C-alpha atoms as a PDB file:
ATOM      1  CA  UNK A   1       3.694 -33.445  33.270  1.00  0.00           C
ATOM      2  CA  UNK A   2       4.794 -29.833  33.173  1.00  0.00           C
ATOM      3  CA  UNK A   3       6.882 -30.718  29.556  1.00  0.00           C
ATOM      4  CA  UNK A   4       3.679 -32.045  28.324  1.00  0.00           C
ATOM      5  CA  UNK A   5       1.399 -29.318  28.919  1.00  0.00           C
ATOM      6  CA  UNK A   6       4.057 -26.884  27.822  1.00  0.00           C
ATOM      7  CA  UNK A   7       3.924 -29.306  23.982  1.00  0.00           C
ATOM      8  CA  UNK A   8       0.307 -28.876  24.183  1.00  0.00           C
ATOM      9  CA  UNK A   9       0.464 -25.545  24.547  1.00  0.00           C
ATOM     10  CA  UNK A  10       2.763 -24.897  21.586  1.00  0.00           C
ATOM     11  CA  UNK A  11       0.682 -26.920  19.382  1.00  0.00           C
ATOM     12  CA  UNK A  12      -2.278 -25.379  19.920  1.00  0.00           C
ATOM     13  CA  UNK A  13      -0.713 -21.833  19.247  1.00  0.00           C
ATOM     14  CA  UNK A  14      -2.368 -20.045  16.626  1.00  0.00           C
ATOM     15  CA  UNK A  15      -0.400 -18.734  13.626  1.00  0.00           C
ATOM     16  CA  UNK A  16      -0.375 -15.486  13.268  1.00  0.00           C
ATOM     17  CA  UNK A  17      -3.710 -13.478  11.569  1.00  0.00           C
ATOM     18  CA  UNK A  18      -3.401 -10.793   9.001  1.00  0.00           C
ATOM     19  CA  UNK A  19      -6.605  -9.492   7.245  1.00  0.00           C
ATOM     20  CA  UNK A  20      -6.419  -7.741   3.826  1.00  0.00           C
ATOM     21  CA  UNK A  21      -9.140  -5.487   2.357  1.00  0.00           C
ATOM     22  CA  UNK A  22      -8.773  -4.754  -1.212  1.00  0.00           C
ATOM     23  CA  UNK A  23      -9.257  -0.673  -1.813  1.00  0.00           C
ATOM     24  CA  UNK A  24      -9.605  -0.694  -5.444  1.00  0.00           C
ATOM     25  CA  UNK A  25     -11.140   1.363  -8.172  1.00  0.00           C
ATOM     26  CA  UNK A  26     -12.130   4.797  -9.175  1.00  0.00           C
ATOM     27  CA  UNK A  27     -13.284   6.782  -5.656  1.00  0.00           C
ATOM     28  CA  UNK A  28     -16.997   7.621  -6.109  1.00  0.00           C
ATOM     29  CA  UNK A  29     -19.833   8.598  -4.004  1.00  0.00           C
ATOM     30  CA  UNK A  30     -22.238   5.973  -5.193  1.00  0.00           C
ATOM     31  CA  UNK A  31     -22.349   2.293  -5.693  1.00  0.00           C
ATOM     32  CA  UNK A  32     -24.884   0.444  -7.547  1.00  0.00           C
ATOM     33  CA  UNK A  33     -25.441  -3.082  -8.239  1.00  0.00           C
ATOM     34  CA  UNK A  34     -22.597  -4.452 -10.453  1.00  0.00           C
ATOM     35  CA  UNK A  35     -20.560  -1.362 -10.292  1.00  0.00           C
ATOM     36  CA  UNK A  36     -17.056  -1.669  -9.218  1.00  0.00           C
ATOM     37  CA  UNK A  37     -15.333   1.094  -7.112  1.00  0.00           C
ATOM     38  CA  UNK A  38     -14.860   2.601  -3.810  1.00  0.00           C
ATOM     39  CA  UNK A  39     -16.983   5.187  -1.387  1.00  0.00           C
ATOM     40  CA  UNK A  40     -17.309   5.097   2.530  1.00  0.00           C
ATOM     41  CA  UNK A  41     -20.445   3.217   2.298  1.00  0.00           C
ATOM     42  CA  UNK A  42     -19.300  -0.119   0.464  1.00  0.00           C
ATOM     43  CA  UNK A  43     -15.991  -0.251   1.787  1.00  0.00           C
ATOM     44  CA  UNK A  44     -17.047  -0.149   5.698  1.00  0.00           C
ATOM     45  CA  UNK A  45     -18.376  -3.069   6.227  1.00  0.00           C
ATOM     46  CA  UNK A  46     -14.736  -5.324   4.928  1.00  0.00           C
ATOM     47  CA  UNK A  47     -12.876  -2.237   7.039  1.00  0.00           C
ATOM     48  CA  UNK A  48     -15.169  -3.247  10.294  1.00  0.00           C
ATOM     49  CA  UNK A  49     -14.751  -6.660   9.638  1.00  0.00           C
ATOM     50  CA  UNK A  50     -11.075  -6.831   9.233  1.00  0.00           C
ATOM     51  CA  UNK A  51     -10.391  -4.471  12.477  1.00  0.00           C
ATOM     52  CA  UNK A  52     -12.343  -6.866  14.351  1.00  0.00           C
ATOM     53  CA  UNK A  53     -10.129 -10.023  13.653  1.00  0.00           C
ATOM     54  CA  UNK A  54      -9.457 -11.009  17.051  1.00  0.00           C
ATOM     55  CA  UNK A  55      -4.972 -11.028  17.983  1.00  0.00           C
ATOM     56  CA  UNK A  56      -4.970  -9.397  14.231  1.00  0.00           C
ATOM     57  CA  UNK A  57      -0.654  -8.533  13.924  1.00  0.00           C
ATOM     58  CA  UNK A  58      -1.673  -5.770  11.504  1.00  0.00           C
ATOM     59  CA  UNK A  59      -4.410  -5.303   9.030  1.00  0.00           C
ATOM     60  CA  UNK A  60      -3.525  -4.951   5.114  1.00  0.00           C
ATOM     61  CA  UNK A  61      -4.536  -2.216   2.585  1.00  0.00           C
ATOM     62  CA  UNK A  62      -4.288  -3.329  -1.088  1.00  0.00           C
ATOM     63  CA  UNK A  63      -4.567   0.071  -3.077  1.00  0.00           C
ATOM     64  CA  UNK A  64      -4.883  -0.084  -6.912  1.00  0.00           C
ATOM     65  CA  UNK A  65      -6.755   3.297  -7.480  1.00  0.00           C
ATOM     66  CA  UNK A  66      -5.861   6.280  -9.696  1.00  0.00           C
ATOM     67  CA  UNK A  67      -8.036   8.437  -7.628  1.00  0.00           C
ATOM     68  CA  UNK A  68     -11.797  10.022  -7.628  1.00  0.00           C
ATOM     69  CA  UNK A  69     -14.047  12.242  -4.764  1.00  0.00           C
ATOM     70  CA  UNK A  70     -11.884  14.235  -2.517  1.00  0.00           C
ATOM     71  CA  UNK A  71     -14.629  13.824  -0.111  1.00  0.00           C
ATOM     72  CA  UNK A  72     -15.012   9.588  -0.158  1.00  0.00           C
ATOM     73  CA  UNK A  73     -11.014   9.455  -0.116  1.00  0.00           C
ATOM     74  CA  UNK A  74     -10.759  11.881   3.195  1.00  0.00           C
ATOM     75  CA  UNK A  75     -14.163   9.756   4.753  1.00  0.00           C
ATOM     76  CA  UNK A  76     -12.508   6.498   3.733  1.00  0.00           C
ATOM     77  CA  UNK A  77      -8.716   7.215   5.191  1.00  0.00           C
ATOM     78  CA  UNK A  78     -10.915   8.972   8.258  1.00  0.00           C
ATOM     79  CA  UNK A  79     -12.458   5.613   8.771  1.00  0.00           C
ATOM     80  CA  UNK A  80      -9.195   3.409   8.671  1.00  0.00           C
ATOM     81  CA  UNK A  81      -7.706   5.927  11.465  1.00  0.00           C
ATOM     82  CA  UNK A  82     -10.748   5.718  13.537  1.00  0.00           C
ATOM     83  CA  UNK A  83     -10.568   1.729  13.320  1.00  0.00           C
ATOM     84  CA  UNK A  84      -6.969   1.770  13.745  1.00  0.00           C
ATOM     85  CA  UNK A  85      -7.092   3.905  17.088  1.00  0.00           C
ATOM     86  CA  UNK A  86      -9.991   1.790  18.430  1.00  0.00           C
ATOM     87  CA  UNK A  87      -8.326  -1.300  18.279  1.00  0.00           C
ATOM     88  CA  UNK A  88      -4.475  -0.439  18.360  1.00  0.00           C
ATOM     89  CA  UNK A  89      -3.984  -2.695  14.819  1.00  0.00           C
ATOM     90  CA  UNK A  90      -0.993  -1.188  12.544  1.00  0.00           C
ATOM     91  CA  UNK A  91      -2.473  -0.584   9.408  1.00  0.00           C
ATOM     92  CA  UNK A  92      -0.034  -1.492   6.156  1.00  0.00           C
ATOM     93  CA  UNK A  93      -0.780  -0.088   2.592  1.00  0.00           C
ATOM     94  CA  UNK A  94       0.612  -2.009  -0.678  1.00  0.00           C
ATOM     95  CA  UNK A  95       0.131  -0.054  -3.826  1.00  0.00           C
ATOM     96  CA  UNK A  96      -0.537  -2.411  -6.488  1.00  0.00           C
ATOM     97  CA  UNK A  97      -0.870  -1.034 -10.585  1.00  0.00           C
ATOM     98  CA  UNK A  98      -1.630   2.740  -9.050  1.00  0.00           C
ATOM     99  CA  UNK A  99      -2.288   4.390  -6.099  1.00  0.00           C
ATOM    100  CA  UNK A 100      -2.510   8.188  -7.549  1.00  0.00           C
ATOM    101  CA  UNK A 101      -4.309  11.140  -6.123  1.00  0.00           C
ATOM    102  CA  UNK A 102      -7.235   9.890  -4.084  1.00  0.00           C
ATOM    103  CA  UNK A 103      -5.646   6.174  -4.168  1.00  0.00           C
ATOM    104  CA  UNK A 104      -2.707   7.942  -2.528  1.00  0.00           C
ATOM    105  CA  UNK A 105      -4.786   9.506   0.048  1.00  0.00           C
ATOM    106  CA  UNK A 106      -5.911   6.017   1.313  1.00  0.00           C
ATOM    107  CA  UNK A 107      -2.217   4.565   1.321  1.00  0.00           C
ATOM    108  CA  UNK A 108      -1.454   7.280   3.111  1.00  0.00           C
ATOM    109  CA  UNK A 109      -4.014   6.560   5.677  1.00  0.00           C
ATOM    110  CA  UNK A 110      -2.181   3.252   6.727  1.00  0.00           C
ATOM    111  CA  UNK A 111       0.812   3.675   9.115  1.00  0.00           C
ATOM    112  CA  UNK A 112       3.387   2.027   6.629  1.00  0.00           C
ATOM    113  CA  UNK A 113       3.614   1.827   2.778  1.00  0.00           C
ATOM    114  CA  UNK A 114       4.986  -0.720   0.234  1.00  0.00           C
ATOM    115  CA  UNK A 115       5.129  -0.562  -3.090  1.00  0.00           C
ATOM    116  CA  UNK A 116       6.092  -2.498  -6.328  1.00  0.00           C
ATOM    117  CA  UNK A 117       9.169  -0.866  -8.260  1.00  0.00           C
ATOM    118  CA  UNK A 118       6.681  -0.215 -11.152  1.00  0.00           C
ATOM    119  CA  UNK A 119       4.164   1.040  -9.100  1.00  0.00           C
ATOM    120  CA  UNK A 120       2.570   4.691 -10.075  1.00  0.00           C
ATOM    121  CA  UNK A 121       2.262   6.512  -6.977  1.00  0.00           C
ATOM    122  CA  UNK A 122       1.950  10.299  -5.955  1.00  0.00           C
ATOM    123  CA  UNK A 123      -0.410  12.680  -7.914  1.00  0.00           C
ATOM    124  CA  UNK A 124      -1.022  14.687  -4.757  1.00  0.00           C
ATOM    125  CA  UNK A 125      -3.322  17.470  -6.687  1.00  0.00           C
ATOM    126  CA  UNK A 126      -6.349  18.178  -7.895  1.00  0.00           C
ATOM    127  CA  UNK A 127      -8.177  18.041 -11.200  1.00  0.00           C
ATOM    128  CA  UNK A 128     -11.462  19.578 -12.716  1.00  0.00           C
ATOM    129  CA  UNK A 129     -11.929  18.561 -16.183  1.00  0.00           C
ATOM    130  CA  UNK A 130     -15.301  18.980 -18.839  1.00  0.00           C
ATOM    131  CA  UNK A 131     -16.196  20.303 -22.078  1.00  0.00           C
ATOM    132  CA  UNK A 132     -17.604  23.216 -23.913  1.00  0.00           C
ATOM    133  CA  UNK A 133     -20.738  23.465 -26.465  1.00  0.00           C
ATOM    134  CA  UNK A 134     -21.247  27.039 -27.005  1.00  0.00           C
ATOM    135  CA  UNK A 135     -19.607  27.074 -30.550  1.00  0.00           C
ATOM    136  CA  UNK A 136     -21.541  24.397 -31.332  1.00  0.00           C
ATOM    137  CA  UNK A 137     -24.575  25.622 -30.311  1.00  0.00           C
ATOM    138  CA  UNK A 138     -23.999  28.412 -32.596  1.00  0.00           C
ATOM    139  CA  UNK A 139     -22.879  26.321 -35.248  1.00  0.00           C
ATOM    140  CA  UNK A 140     -26.256  24.652 -35.159  1.00  0.00           C
ATOM    141  CA  UNK A 141     -28.541  27.830 -34.556  1.00  0.00           C
ATOM    142  CA  UNK A 142     -29.721  26.536 -31.177  1.00  0.00           C
ATOM    143  CA  UNK A 143     -30.421  29.121 -28.312  1.00  0.00           C
ATOM    144  CA  UNK A 144     -30.207  27.981 -24.788  1.00  0.00           C
ATOM    145  CA  UNK A 145     -32.725  29.370 -22.281  1.00  0.00           C
ATOM    146  CA  UNK A 146     -31.693  29.265 -18.576  1.00  0.00           C
ATOM    147  CA  UNK A 147     -33.149  31.725 -15.692  1.00  0.00           C
ATOM    148  CA  UNK A 148     -31.615  31.702 -12.693  1.00  0.00           C
ATOM    149  CA  UNK A 149     -31.741  33.723  -9.103  1.00  0.00           C
ATOM    150  CA  UNK A 150     -28.174  34.090  -7.738  1.00  0.00           C
ATOM    151  CA  UNK A 151     -25.169  35.534 -10.327  1.00  0.00           C
ATOM    152  CA  UNK A 152     -23.084  32.222  -9.170  1.00  0.00           C
ATOM    153  CA  UNK A 153     -25.583  29.374 -10.226  1.00  0.00           C
ATOM    154  CA  UNK A 154     -24.196  29.038 -13.752  1.00  0.00           C
ATOM    155  CA  UNK A 155     -20.665  29.183 -13.145  1.00  0.00           C
ATOM    156  CA  UNK A 156     -18.758  27.200 -15.585  1.00  0.00           C
ATOM    157  CA  UNK A 157     -21.866  26.149 -17.515  1.00  0.00           C
ATOM    158  CA  UNK A 158     -20.851  24.685 -20.567  1.00  0.00           C
ATOM    159  CA  UNK A 159     -22.972  25.800 -22.822  1.00  0.00           C
ATOM    160  CA  UNK A 160     -21.902  29.443 -22.393  1.00  0.00           C
ATOM    161  CA  UNK A 161     -18.680  31.194 -23.363  1.00  0.00           C
ATOM    162  CA  UNK A 162     -15.654  30.456 -20.256  1.00  0.00           C
ATOM    163  CA  UNK A 163     -15.575  33.488 -18.233  1.00  0.00           C
ATOM    164  CA  UNK A 164     -12.616  34.483 -16.050  1.00  0.00           C
ATOM    165  CA  UNK A 165     -14.344  34.975 -12.912  1.00  0.00           C
ATOM    166  CA  UNK A 166     -16.038  31.235 -13.112  1.00  0.00           C
ATOM    167  CA  UNK A 167     -12.241  30.110 -13.627  1.00  0.00           C
ATOM    168  CA  UNK A 168     -11.021  32.077 -10.907  1.00  0.00           C
ATOM    169  CA  UNK A 169     -13.581  30.660  -8.739  1.00  0.00           C
ATOM    170  CA  UNK A 170     -12.743  27.278  -9.162  1.00  0.00           C
ATOM    171  CA  UNK A 171      -9.560  27.591  -9.079  1.00  0.00           C
ATOM    172  CA  UNK A 172      -9.934  28.851  -5.363  1.00  0.00           C
ATOM    173  CA  UNK A 173     -12.317  25.797  -4.578  1.00  0.00           C
ATOM    174  CA  UNK A 174      -9.263  23.322  -6.187  1.00  0.00           C
ATOM    175  CA  UNK A 175      -6.984  25.238  -4.008  1.00  0.00           C
ATOM    176  CA  UNK A 176      -9.022  24.772  -0.641  1.00  0.00           C
ATOM    177  CA  UNK A 177      -9.035  20.951  -1.382  1.00  0.00           C
ATOM    178  CA  UNK A 178      -4.998  21.264  -2.562  1.00  0.00           C
ATOM    179  CA  UNK A 179      -4.170  22.380   0.521  1.00  0.00           C
ATOM    180  CA  UNK A 180      -6.896  19.908   2.597  1.00  0.00           C
ATOM    181  CA  UNK A 181      -4.709  17.019   0.731  1.00  0.00           C
ATOM    182  CA  UNK A 182      -1.232  18.400   1.320  1.00  0.00           C
ATOM    183  CA  UNK A 183      -2.011  18.481   4.927  1.00  0.00           C
ATOM    184  CA  UNK A 184      -3.007  15.110   4.893  1.00  0.00           C
ATOM    185  CA  UNK A 185       0.405  13.740   3.448  1.00  0.00           C
ATOM    186  CA  UNK A 186       2.489  16.158   5.486  1.00  0.00           C
ATOM    187  CA  UNK A 187       0.480  15.081   8.947  1.00  0.00           C
ATOM    188  CA  UNK A 188       0.665  10.997   7.628  1.00  0.00           C
ATOM    189  CA  UNK A 189       4.306  11.200   6.376  1.00  0.00           C
ATOM    190  CA  UNK A 190       5.772  13.922   8.592  1.00  0.00           C
ATOM    191  CA  UNK A 191       9.847  13.956   8.530  1.00  0.00           C
ATOM    192  CA  UNK A 192       9.630  10.873   6.256  1.00  0.00           C
ATOM    193  CA  UNK A 193       8.997  13.090   3.177  1.00  0.00           C
ATOM    194  CA  UNK A 194      12.247  13.987   1.109  1.00  0.00           C
ATOM    195  CA  UNK A 195      12.724  16.698  -1.394  1.00  0.00           C
ATOM    196  CA  UNK A 196      11.188  19.663  -2.248  1.00  0.00           C
ATOM    197  CA  UNK A 197       7.765  20.868  -1.114  1.00  0.00           C
ATOM    198  CA  UNK A 198       6.813  22.168  -4.644  1.00  0.00           C
ATOM    199  CA  UNK A 199       7.747  19.210  -6.204  1.00  0.00           C
ATOM    200  CA  UNK A 200       6.402  16.563  -3.853  1.00  0.00           C
ATOM    201  CA  UNK A 201       2.888  18.593  -4.152  1.00  0.00           C
ATOM    202  CA  UNK A 202       2.723  19.818  -7.784  1.00  0.00           C
ATOM    203  CA  UNK A 203       0.858  16.639  -8.899  1.00  0.00           C
ATOM    204  CA  UNK A 204       3.538  14.737 -10.311  1.00  0.00           C
ATOM    205  CA  UNK A 205       3.370  11.060 -10.328  1.00  0.00           C
ATOM    206  CA  UNK A 206       6.583   8.521 -10.045  1.00  0.00           C
ATOM    207  CA  UNK A 207       7.259   4.972 -10.039  1.00  0.00           C
ATOM    208  CA  UNK A 208       7.160   3.220  -6.738  1.00  0.00           C
ATOM    209  CA  UNK A 209      10.976   2.990  -6.709  1.00  0.00           C
ATOM    210  CA  UNK A 210      11.249   6.853  -7.344  1.00  0.00           C
ATOM    211  CA  UNK A 211       8.385   7.514  -4.472  1.00  0.00           C
ATOM    212  CA  UNK A 212      11.061   5.673  -2.022  1.00  0.00           C
ATOM    213  CA  UNK A 213      13.337   8.002  -2.443  1.00  0.00           C
ATOM    214  CA  UNK A 214      10.937  10.680  -1.651  1.00  0.00           C
ATOM    215  CA  UNK A 215       9.636   9.019   1.119  1.00  0.00           C
ATOM    216  CA  UNK A 216       6.079   8.700  -0.065  1.00  0.00           C
ATOM    217  CA  UNK A 217       6.526   5.098   0.212  1.00  0.00           C
ATOM    218  CA  UNK A 218       8.532   3.132   3.511  1.00  0.00           C
ATOM    219  CA  UNK A 219       9.668   0.095   1.065  1.00  0.00           C
ATOM    220  CA  UNK A 220       9.175  -1.963  -1.869  1.00  0.00           C
ATOM    221  CA  UNK A 221       7.588  -5.740  -1.796  1.00  0.00           C
ATOM    222  CA  UNK A 222       4.812  -7.768  -2.281  1.00  0.00           C
ATOM    223  CA  UNK A 223       2.451  -7.796   0.811  1.00  0.00           C
ATOM    224  CA  UNK A 224       2.936 -11.235   1.092  1.00  0.00           C
ATOM    225  CA  UNK A 225       6.724 -11.463   1.185  1.00  0.00           C
ATOM    226  CA  UNK A 226       7.049  -8.388   3.340  1.00  0.00           C
ATOM    227  CA  UNK A 227       4.287  -9.532   5.948  1.00  0.00           C
ATOM    228  CA  UNK A 228       5.778 -13.112   6.093  1.00  0.00           C
ATOM    229  CA  UNK A 229       8.926 -11.853   6.634  1.00  0.00           C
ATOM    230  CA  UNK A 230       7.895  -9.021   9.271  1.00  0.00           C
ATOM    231  CA  UNK A 231       5.535 -12.092  11.234  1.00  0.00           C
ATOM    232  CA  UNK A 232       6.507 -15.482   9.966  1.00  0.00           C
ATOM    233  CA  UNK A 233       6.058 -17.989   7.131  1.00  0.00           C
ATOM    234  CA  UNK A 234       3.281 -19.078   8.836  1.00  0.00           C
ATOM    235  CA  UNK A 235       1.337 -16.024   8.785  1.00  0.00           C
ATOM    236  CA  UNK A 236      -2.295 -16.315   7.753  1.00  0.00           C
ATOM    237  CA  UNK A 237      -4.056 -14.020   5.683  1.00  0.00           C
ATOM    238  CA  UNK A 238      -7.674 -13.644   5.687  1.00  0.00           C
ATOM    239  CA  UNK A 239      -8.862 -11.898   2.824  1.00  0.00           C
ATOM    240  CA  UNK A 240     -12.002  -9.648   3.609  1.00  0.00           C
ATOM    241  CA  UNK A 241     -14.358  -9.877   0.493  1.00  0.00           C
ATOM    242  CA  UNK A 242     -17.566  -7.994   0.206  1.00  0.00           C
ATOM    243  CA  UNK A 243     -20.721  -9.652   0.380  1.00  0.00           C
ATOM    244  CA  UNK A 244     -22.396 -10.675  -2.370  1.00  0.00           C
ATOM    245  CA  UNK A 245     -26.173  -8.785  -2.699  1.00  0.00           C
ATOM    246  CA  UNK A 246     -29.097 -10.380  -3.559  1.00  0.00           C
ATOM    247  CA  UNK A 247     -30.465  -9.281  -6.889  1.00  0.00           C
ATOM    248  CA  UNK A 248     -33.727  -7.990  -6.553  1.00  0.00           C
ATOM    249  CA  UNK A 249     -35.850  -8.037  -9.764  1.00  0.00           C
ATOM    250  CA  UNK A 250     -38.300  -5.012  -9.274  1.00  0.00           C
ATOM    251  CA  UNK A 251     -41.184  -4.781 -11.742  1.00  0.00           C
ATOM    252  CA  UNK A 252     -38.874  -5.075 -14.746  1.00  0.00           C
ATOM    253  CA  UNK A 253     -38.131  -8.767 -14.723  1.00  0.00           C
ATOM    254  CA  UNK A 254     -34.691 -10.840 -14.977  1.00  0.00           C
ATOM    255  CA  UNK A 255     -34.011  -9.632 -18.272  1.00  0.00           C
ATOM    256  CA  UNK A 256     -34.341  -5.736 -17.752  1.00  0.00           C
ATOM    257  CA  UNK A 257     -32.333  -5.897 -14.745  1.00  0.00           C
ATOM    258  CA  UNK A 258     -29.689  -7.790 -16.233  1.00  0.00           C
ATOM    259  CA  UNK A 259     -29.490  -5.212 -19.208  1.00  0.00           C
ATOM    260  CA  UNK A 260     -29.050  -2.575 -16.834  1.00  0.00           C
ATOM    261  CA  UNK A 261     -26.503  -3.933 -14.910  1.00  0.00           C
ATOM    262  CA  UNK A 262     -24.684  -4.570 -18.688  1.00  0.00           C
ATOM    263  CA  UNK A 263     -24.998  -1.207 -19.375  1.00  0.00           C
ATOM    264  CA  UNK A 264     -24.190   0.219 -15.582  1.00  0.00           C
ATOM    265  CA  UNK A 265     -20.846  -2.024 -16.009  1.00  0.00           C
ATOM    266  CA  UNK A 266     -19.974  -0.383 -19.671  1.00  0.00           C
ATOM    267  CA  UNK A 267     -20.163   3.366 -18.375  1.00  0.00           C
ATOM    268  CA  UNK A 268     -17.959   2.076 -15.560  1.00  0.00           C
ATOM    269  CA  UNK A 269     -15.452   0.715 -17.526  1.00  0.00           C
ATOM    270  CA  UNK A 270     -15.480   3.907 -19.580  1.00  0.00           C
ATOM    271  CA  UNK A 271     -14.948   6.048 -16.792  1.00  0.00           C
ATOM    272  CA  UNK A 272     -12.444   3.434 -15.293  1.00  0.00           C
ATOM    273  CA  UNK A 273     -10.218   3.261 -18.266  1.00  0.00           C
ATOM    274  CA  UNK A 274     -10.212   7.267 -18.853  1.00  0.00           C
ATOM    275  CA  UNK A 275      -9.030   7.776 -15.009  1.00  0.00           C
ATOM    276  CA  UNK A 276      -6.193   4.778 -15.139  1.00  0.00           C
ATOM    277  CA  UNK A 277      -5.145   6.367 -18.879  1.00  0.00           C
ATOM    278  CA  UNK A 278      -4.250   9.488 -16.813  1.00  0.00           C
ATOM    279  CA  UNK A 279      -1.322   7.124 -15.811  1.00  0.00           C
ATOM    280  CA  UNK A 280      -0.555   4.892 -18.897  1.00  0.00           C
ATOM    281  CA  UNK A 281      -2.282   2.342 -17.815  1.00  0.00           C
END
């Protein structure tokens, strides 16, 4: 009888379960209808569902992001750590095409990081970019009239000549954010980091193979192979997908909303291509 019960319990035993959350796209503060990208508001429902899976062996993060907002990067990373601490579930990140800048910030929120040998990893730095139109205005004979209360309100105004004090103010802000980025990576990676600190944190990026040598990742491999090797071939992967939003027509009708959605997607594509192009992708 005991043998029968033992056999029954064996056959009722469930396969190991590992929820998988995809962190893909440019990291930005707002998500509109049809727009791809990452924000805490947009990704939190998937994270909460992943960490609520009973008896989950781990939560897998598939990271494919060239970065973006440092604030959203920090908020998403903090939320991952909060949920991991509450549930005592380990987190394993897998870098896909690119996990750079804010994308690497997200990967570093995991307990372990794996990458493909050809993944682009790193870019631990801060970037600001823009255009200057002051010479164009002068050429076409246009005067711009702006009135402010506060000497710094026109800092880095693109329609005025660049001022040294404005650039110094921006560099100070960038250095502050860069220090926060470095502190996050050192806190998460600790003694696993190898090489000179100056080289690791100068904004350079590397292949996954080189990132392994530098201690930025813990291993190379595909998430299915790595997880199956750790928890067994019968491990089941539960893909945590975002819930689809119903189309709200409002006053503009279907045509207006579809047009707006298409234009939004085109704009998003342009932004994403610019971000990914920085890494040769």
